[in-house]
Amino acid sequence: MKQRGFTLLELILVLAIIAISITLVIPRLNNGEVARLQAKVRETAAALKYARRTALIFNQETNINISVNEKKSPDKKITKQVIFYPGGGSNGGEFHFYENEIEATLDVNPLTGKITIGFPDK
């Protein structure tokens, strides 16, 4: 008997393979944006940690200005000053970093000066 066409099982198998490959490829498309965002946030965190260590080592206030883009208008920057005190504390602050629709946060604790980073889920 001569077969013409595909069986239902073959069609379902091909569709399953296509669905699996799509679920693996699509999340990786925005990795460049996530990597750029992570680099910006980590660079800012490093600068803040350096300013805090400087305040502790030299026993004097250390100021650092941080500029971040606004979410609604990426061309406009918001600049905030963070002050680290000789005891390790700071005036605190929360910063939001945006890369297209992806957001990450950086928080400076006012009591301890500790810096925490919140990255988006991959």
C-alpha atoms as a PDB file:
ATOM      1  CA  MET A   1       0.000   0.000   0.000  1.00  0.00           C
ATOM      2  CA  LYS A   2       1.357   3.407  -0.980  1.00  0.00           C
ATOM      3  CA  GLN A   3       1.363   6.086   1.775  1.00  0.00           C
ATOM      4  CA  ARG A   4       0.374   9.666   0.919  1.00  0.00           C
ATOM      5  CA  GLY A   5       0.910  12.358   3.582  1.00  0.00           C
ATOM      6  CA  PHE A   6       1.864  12.182   7.240  1.00  0.00           C
ATOM      7  CA  THR A   7       0.312  10.400  10.172  1.00  0.00           C
ATOM      8  CA  LEU A   8      -1.154  12.313  13.093  1.00  0.00           C
ATOM      9  CA  LEU A   9       1.657  11.071  15.335  1.00  0.00           C
ATOM     10  CA  GLU A  10       4.321  12.474  12.990  1.00  0.00           C
ATOM     11  CA  LEU A  11       2.609  15.883  12.857  1.00  0.00           C
ATOM     12  CA  ILE A  12       2.294  16.067  16.642  1.00  0.00           C
ATOM     13  CA  LEU A  13       5.945  15.082  17.053  1.00  0.00           C
ATOM     14  CA  VAL A  14       7.119  17.814  14.654  1.00  0.00           C
ATOM     15  CA  LEU A  15       4.943  20.440  16.383  1.00  0.00           C
ATOM     16  CA  ALA A  16       6.312  19.393  19.784  1.00  0.00           C
ATOM     17  CA  ILE A  17       9.896  19.765  18.547  1.00  0.00           C
ATOM     18  CA  ILE A  18       9.118  23.220  17.142  1.00  0.00           C
ATOM     19  CA  ALA A  19       7.457  24.290  20.416  1.00  0.00           C
ATOM     20  CA  ILE A  20      10.414  23.118  22.501  1.00  0.00           C
ATOM     21  CA  SER A  21      12.915  24.907  20.270  1.00  0.00           C
ATOM     22  CA  ILE A  22      10.897  28.147  20.437  1.00  0.00           C
ATOM     23  CA  THR A  23      10.769  28.050  24.239  1.00  0.00           C
ATOM     24  CA  LEU A  24      14.555  27.646  24.311  1.00  0.00           C
ATOM     25  CA  VAL A  25      15.391  30.356  21.767  1.00  0.00           C
ATOM     26  CA  ILE A  26      13.044  33.253  22.624  1.00  0.00           C
ATOM     27  CA  PRO A  27      14.253  33.888  26.215  1.00  0.00           C
ATOM     28  CA  ARG A  28      17.823  34.186  24.925  1.00  0.00           C
ATOM     29  CA  LEU A  29      16.981  36.977  22.498  1.00  0.00           C
ATOM     30  CA  ASN A  30      17.058  39.715  25.156  1.00  0.00           C
ATOM     31  CA  ASN A  31      20.228  38.504  26.910  1.00  0.00           C
ATOM     32  CA  GLY A  32      22.190  41.389  25.403  1.00  0.00           C
ATOM     33  CA  GLU A  33      19.859  43.894  27.043  1.00  0.00           C
ATOM     34  CA  VAL A  34      19.998  42.096  30.379  1.00  0.00           C
ATOM     35  CA  ALA A  35      23.799  41.903  30.226  1.00  0.00           C
ATOM     36  CA  ARG A  36      24.084  45.655  29.493  1.00  0.00           C
ATOM     37  CA  LEU A  37      21.716  46.452  32.344  1.00  0.00           C
ATOM     38  CA  GLN A  38      23.618  44.214  34.761  1.00  0.00           C
ATOM     39  CA  ALA A  39      26.900  45.855  33.764  1.00  0.00           C
ATOM     40  CA  LYS A  40      25.493  49.350  34.425  1.00  0.00           C
ATOM     41  CA  VAL A  41      24.128  48.377  37.827  1.00  0.00           C
ATOM     42  CA  ARG A  42      27.284  46.548  38.903  1.00  0.00           C
ATOM     43  CA  GLU A  43      29.479  49.458  37.811  1.00  0.00           C
ATOM     44  CA  THR A  44      27.355  51.879  39.840  1.00  0.00           C
ATOM     45  CA  ALA A  45      27.406  49.537  42.855  1.00  0.00           C
ATOM     46  CA  ALA A  46      31.204  49.335  42.639  1.00  0.00           C
ATOM     47  CA  ALA A  47      31.485  53.138  42.615  1.00  0.00           C
ATOM     48  CA  LEU A  48      29.169  53.379  45.632  1.00  0.00           C
ATOM     49  CA  LYS A  49      31.141  50.719  47.545  1.00  0.00           C
ATOM     50  CA  TYR A  50      34.365  52.567  46.771  1.00  0.00           C
ATOM     51  CA  ALA A  51      32.877  55.819  48.107  1.00  0.00           C
ATOM     52  CA  ARG A  52      31.728  54.049  51.287  1.00  0.00           C
ATOM     53  CA  ARG A  53      35.159  52.495  51.866  1.00  0.00           C
ATOM     54  CA  THR A  54      36.783  55.871  51.301  1.00  0.00           C
ATOM     55  CA  ALA A  55      34.542  57.438  53.958  1.00  0.00           C
ATOM     56  CA  LEU A  56      35.417  54.677  56.411  1.00  0.00           C
ATOM     57  CA  ILE A  57      39.169  54.692  55.759  1.00  0.00           C
ATOM     58  CA  PHE A  58      39.696  58.464  55.779  1.00  0.00           C
ATOM     59  CA  ASN A  59      37.065  59.099  58.480  1.00  0.00           C
ATOM     60  CA  GLN A  60      35.314  61.813  56.476  1.00  0.00           C
ATOM     61  CA  GLU A  61      32.112  62.272  54.502  1.00  0.00           C
ATOM     62  CA  THR A  62      32.274  61.161  50.883  1.00  0.00           C
ATOM     63  CA  ASN A  63      29.814  62.355  48.249  1.00  0.00           C
ATOM     64  CA  ILE A  64      28.985  60.623  44.989  1.00  0.00           C
ATOM     65  CA  ASN A  65      26.512  61.693  42.307  1.00  0.00           C
ATOM     66  CA  ILE A  66      24.584  58.971  40.500  1.00  0.00           C
ATOM     67  CA  SER A  67      22.738  59.658  37.238  1.00  0.00           C
ATOM     68  CA  VAL A  68      20.074  57.289  35.953  1.00  0.00           C
ATOM     69  CA  ASN A  69      17.657  57.510  33.040  1.00  0.00           C
ATOM     70  CA  GLU A  70      13.972  58.124  33.579  1.00  0.00           C
ATOM     71  CA  LYS A  71      11.690  55.298  32.562  1.00  0.00           C
ATOM     72  CA  LYS A  72       9.274  57.414  30.543  1.00  0.00           C
ATOM     73  CA  SER A  73      11.895  59.513  28.775  1.00  0.00           C
ATOM     74  CA  PRO A  74      15.195  57.618  28.449  1.00  0.00           C
ATOM     75  CA  ASP A  75      16.979  60.731  27.180  1.00  0.00           C
ATOM     76  CA  LYS A  76      16.338  62.581  30.453  1.00  0.00           C
ATOM     77  CA  LYS A  77      18.644  61.815  33.378  1.00  0.00           C
ATOM     78  CA  ILE A  78      17.951  62.077  37.085  1.00  0.00           C
ATOM     79  CA  THR A  79      20.959  62.829  39.296  1.00  0.00           C
ATOM     80  CA  LYS A  80      20.947  62.045  43.003  1.00  0.00           C
ATOM     81  CA  GLN A  81      23.696  62.602  45.523  1.00  0.00           C
ATOM     82  CA  VAL A  82      24.609  59.871  47.982  1.00  0.00           C
ATOM     83  CA  ILE A  83      26.611  60.843  51.046  1.00  0.00           C
ATOM     84  CA  PHE A  84      28.547  58.233  53.006  1.00  0.00           C
ATOM     85  CA  TYR A  85      29.420  59.099  56.597  1.00  0.00           C
ATOM     86  CA  PRO A  86      32.559  58.073  58.528  1.00  0.00           C
ATOM     87  CA  GLY A  87      30.555  55.548  60.555  1.00  0.00           C
ATOM     88  CA  GLY A  88      29.538  53.639  57.408  1.00  0.00           C
ATOM     89  CA  GLY A  89      25.993  54.964  57.142  1.00  0.00           C
ATOM     90  CA  SER A  90      24.632  57.114  54.359  1.00  0.00           C
ATOM     91  CA  ASN A  91      21.745  59.355  53.404  1.00  0.00           C
ATOM     92  CA  GLY A  92      20.408  56.363  51.467  1.00  0.00           C
ATOM     93  CA  GLY A  93      18.740  56.171  48.129  1.00  0.00           C
ATOM     94  CA  GLU A  94      16.993  53.917  45.660  1.00  0.00           C
ATOM     95  CA  PHE A  95      17.956  53.894  42.003  1.00  0.00           C
ATOM     96  CA  HIS A  96      16.076  52.337  39.092  1.00  0.00           C
ATOM     97  CA  PHE A  97      17.932  51.359  35.939  1.00  0.00           C
ATOM     98  CA  TYR A  98      16.102  50.713  32.673  1.00  0.00           C
ATOM     99  CA  GLU A  99      17.058  48.960  29.465  1.00  0.00           C
ATOM    100  CA  ASN A 100      14.030  49.072  27.173  1.00  0.00           C
ATOM    101  CA  GLU A 101      11.326  47.296  29.210  1.00  0.00           C
ATOM    102  CA  ILE A 102      13.732  45.664  31.689  1.00  0.00           C
ATOM    103  CA  GLU A 103      14.253  47.241  35.115  1.00  0.00           C
ATOM    104  CA  ALA A 104      16.845  46.670  37.827  1.00  0.00           C
ATOM    105  CA  THR A 105      17.102  48.389  41.190  1.00  0.00           C
ATOM    106  CA  LEU A 106      19.969  49.435  43.413  1.00  0.00           C
ATOM    107  CA  ASP A 107      19.271  50.363  47.019  1.00  0.00           C
ATOM    108  CA  VAL A 108      21.579  52.120  49.495  1.00  0.00           C
ATOM    109  CA  ASN A 109      20.569  51.472  53.097  1.00  0.00           C
ATOM    110  CA  PRO A 110      20.639  54.731  55.089  1.00  0.00           C
ATOM    111  CA  LEU A 111      21.617  53.080  58.388  1.00  0.00           C
ATOM    112  CA  THR A 112      24.340  50.696  57.304  1.00  0.00           C
ATOM    113  CA  GLY A 113      25.334  52.019  53.866  1.00  0.00           C
ATOM    114  CA  LYS A 114      24.891  48.489  52.520  1.00  0.00           C
ATOM    115  CA  ILE A 115      24.200  48.293  48.800  1.00  0.00           C
ATOM    116  CA  THR A 116      21.721  45.749  47.460  1.00  0.00           C
ATOM    117  CA  ILE A 117      20.977  45.011  43.828  1.00  0.00           C
ATOM    118  CA  GLY A 118      17.753  43.651  42.378  1.00  0.00           C
ATOM    119  CA  PHE A 119      18.139  42.155  38.906  1.00  0.00           C
ATOM    120  CA  PRO A 120      15.242  41.011  36.734  1.00  0.00           C
ATOM    121  CA  ASP A 121      14.591  37.296  36.474  1.00  0.00           C
ATOM    122  CA  LYS A 122      16.209  35.778  33.443  1.00  0.00           C
END
